[in-house]
Amino acid sequence: MTKNKLKGLVALGSVITLIGFILLFFSVNIGLSLAEDRIIKQGGMDTSAYLIVIEGYTNNFLAAGSILFGIGISTIIFTYYKILINK
């Protein structure tokens, strides 16, 4: 791989890691706002159902953030290793 492609891969890994980090740490806020939007669209909801919806949305963003963060970190480490080998 050329050095420019490796730099591009580091940039891509950094963006994916940043998105995963944001999803990890703001999953509760995002889940809460999506659950509130769902209540507004439905016109009301039982409290227990509301809590289940919040937990579901939060878990979805937590899982997605974890996956993206892991892929991003793995990409950065692999690319850094390849850069060290090419030097």
C-alpha atoms as a PDB file:
ATOM      1  CA  MET A   1       0.000   0.000   0.000  1.00  0.00           C
ATOM      2  CA  THR A   2       1.189   3.475  -0.736  1.00  0.00           C
ATOM      3  CA  LYS A   3       1.762   6.015   1.974  1.00  0.00           C
ATOM      4  CA  ASN A   4      -1.139   8.194   0.758  1.00  0.00           C
ATOM      5  CA  LYS A   5      -3.566   5.265   0.965  1.00  0.00           C
ATOM      6  CA  LEU A   6      -2.380   4.501   4.482  1.00  0.00           C
ATOM      7  CA  LYS A   7      -2.869   8.122   5.530  1.00  0.00           C
ATOM      8  CA  GLY A   8      -6.366   8.014   4.070  1.00  0.00           C
ATOM      9  CA  LEU A   9      -7.053   4.825   6.011  1.00  0.00           C
ATOM     10  CA  VAL A  10      -5.897   6.499   9.231  1.00  0.00           C
ATOM     11  CA  ALA A  11      -8.236   9.413   8.518  1.00  0.00           C
ATOM     12  CA  LEU A  12     -11.137   7.043   7.858  1.00  0.00           C
ATOM     13  CA  GLY A  13     -10.381   5.106  11.039  1.00  0.00           C
ATOM     14  CA  SER A  14     -10.272   8.348  12.994  1.00  0.00           C
ATOM     15  CA  VAL A  15     -13.665   9.432  11.684  1.00  0.00           C
ATOM     16  CA  ILE A  16     -15.215   6.043  12.454  1.00  0.00           C
ATOM     17  CA  THR A  17     -13.697   6.102  15.945  1.00  0.00           C
ATOM     18  CA  LEU A  18     -15.034   9.596  16.570  1.00  0.00           C
ATOM     19  CA  ILE A  19     -18.537   8.629  15.438  1.00  0.00           C
ATOM     20  CA  GLY A  20     -18.427   5.539  17.647  1.00  0.00           C
ATOM     21  CA  PHE A  21     -17.217   7.610  20.598  1.00  0.00           C
ATOM     22  CA  ILE A  22     -20.043  10.096  20.146  1.00  0.00           C
ATOM     23  CA  LEU A  23     -22.623   7.334  19.899  1.00  0.00           C
ATOM     24  CA  LEU A  24     -21.234   5.642  23.012  1.00  0.00           C
ATOM     25  CA  PHE A  25     -21.305   8.651  25.255  1.00  0.00           C
ATOM     26  CA  PHE A  26     -24.447  10.316  23.945  1.00  0.00           C
ATOM     27  CA  SER A  27     -26.550   7.171  23.470  1.00  0.00           C
ATOM     28  CA  VAL A  28     -28.790   8.046  26.421  1.00  0.00           C
ATOM     29  CA  ASN A  29     -29.521  11.538  25.125  1.00  0.00           C
ATOM     30  CA  ILE A  30     -30.171  10.291  21.595  1.00  0.00           C
ATOM     31  CA  GLY A  31     -32.365   7.435  22.865  1.00  0.00           C
ATOM     32  CA  LEU A  32     -34.340   9.776  25.087  1.00  0.00           C
ATOM     33  CA  SER A  33     -34.996  12.261  22.292  1.00  0.00           C
ATOM     34  CA  LEU A  34     -36.083   9.494  19.897  1.00  0.00           C
ATOM     35  CA  ALA A  35     -38.422   8.049  22.538  1.00  0.00           C
ATOM     36  CA  GLU A  36     -39.937  11.493  23.102  1.00  0.00           C
ATOM     37  CA  ASP A  37     -40.481  11.864  19.362  1.00  0.00           C
ATOM     38  CA  ARG A  38     -42.220   8.498  19.342  1.00  0.00           C
ATOM     39  CA  ILE A  39     -44.544   9.611  22.161  1.00  0.00           C
ATOM     40  CA  ILE A  40     -45.420  12.776  20.250  1.00  0.00           C
ATOM     41  CA  LYS A  41     -46.208  10.798  17.081  1.00  0.00           C
ATOM     42  CA  GLN A  42     -48.327   8.241  18.950  1.00  0.00           C
ATOM     43  CA  GLY A  43     -50.099  10.823  21.083  1.00  0.00           C
ATOM     44  CA  GLY A  44     -49.191   9.189  24.383  1.00  0.00           C
ATOM     45  CA  MET A  45     -47.795   6.029  25.883  1.00  0.00           C
ATOM     46  CA  ASP A  46     -47.851   4.011  29.075  1.00  0.00           C
ATOM     47  CA  THR A  47     -44.954   4.705  31.454  1.00  0.00           C
ATOM     48  CA  SER A  48     -43.612   1.148  31.375  1.00  0.00           C
ATOM     49  CA  ALA A  49     -43.726   1.096  27.569  1.00  0.00           C
ATOM     50  CA  TYR A  50     -41.980   4.469  27.486  1.00  0.00           C
ATOM     51  CA  LEU A  51     -39.144   3.143  29.658  1.00  0.00           C
ATOM     52  CA  ILE A  52     -38.805   0.074  27.441  1.00  0.00           C
ATOM     53  CA  VAL A  53     -38.624   2.280  24.340  1.00  0.00           C
ATOM     54  CA  ILE A  54     -35.947   4.476  25.945  1.00  0.00           C
ATOM     55  CA  GLU A  55     -33.923   1.415  26.933  1.00  0.00           C
ATOM     56  CA  GLY A  56     -34.263  -0.085  23.464  1.00  0.00           C
ATOM     57  CA  TYR A  57     -33.124   3.039  21.647  1.00  0.00           C
ATOM     58  CA  THR A  58     -30.281   3.548  24.107  1.00  0.00           C
ATOM     59  CA  ASN A  59     -29.074  -0.033  23.721  1.00  0.00           C
ATOM     60  CA  ASN A  60     -29.198   0.254  19.926  1.00  0.00           C
ATOM     61  CA  PHE A  61     -26.972   3.328  19.907  1.00  0.00           C
ATOM     62  CA  LEU A  62     -24.698   1.826  22.556  1.00  0.00           C
ATOM     63  CA  ALA A  63     -24.177  -1.301  20.448  1.00  0.00           C
ATOM     64  CA  ALA A  64     -23.641   0.669  17.239  1.00  0.00           C
ATOM     65  CA  GLY A  65     -21.196   3.005  18.971  1.00  0.00           C
ATOM     66  CA  SER A  66     -19.248   0.094  20.438  1.00  0.00           C
ATOM     67  CA  ILE A  67     -18.970  -1.615  17.068  1.00  0.00           C
ATOM     68  CA  LEU A  68     -17.885   1.553  15.256  1.00  0.00           C
ATOM     69  CA  PHE A  69     -15.418   2.468  17.992  1.00  0.00           C
ATOM     70  CA  GLY A  70     -13.869  -1.010  17.898  1.00  0.00           C
ATOM     71  CA  ILE A  71     -13.608  -1.031  14.108  1.00  0.00           C
ATOM     72  CA  GLY A  72     -12.082   2.454  14.091  1.00  0.00           C
ATOM     73  CA  ILE A  73      -9.482   1.666  16.745  1.00  0.00           C
ATOM     74  CA  SER A  74      -8.600  -1.608  14.981  1.00  0.00           C
ATOM     75  CA  THR A  75      -8.197   0.215  11.672  1.00  0.00           C
ATOM     76  CA  ILE A  76      -5.935   2.848  13.205  1.00  0.00           C
ATOM     77  CA  ILE A  77      -3.746   0.245  14.944  1.00  0.00           C
ATOM     78  CA  PHE A  78      -3.488  -1.915  11.806  1.00  0.00           C
ATOM     79  CA  THR A  79      -2.626   1.091   9.633  1.00  0.00           C
ATOM     80  CA  TYR A  80      -0.071   2.387  12.106  1.00  0.00           C
ATOM     81  CA  TYR A  81       1.565  -1.046  12.103  1.00  0.00           C
ATOM     82  CA  LYS A  82       1.645  -1.064   8.286  1.00  0.00           C
ATOM     83  CA  ILE A  83       3.184   2.444   8.262  1.00  0.00           C
ATOM     84  CA  LEU A  84       5.912   1.278  10.634  1.00  0.00           C
ATOM     85  CA  ILE A  85       6.661  -1.745   8.432  1.00  0.00           C
ATOM     86  CA  ASN A  86       6.854   0.381   5.264  1.00  0.00           C
ATOM     87  CA  LYS A  87       9.418   2.775   6.738  1.00  0.00           C
END
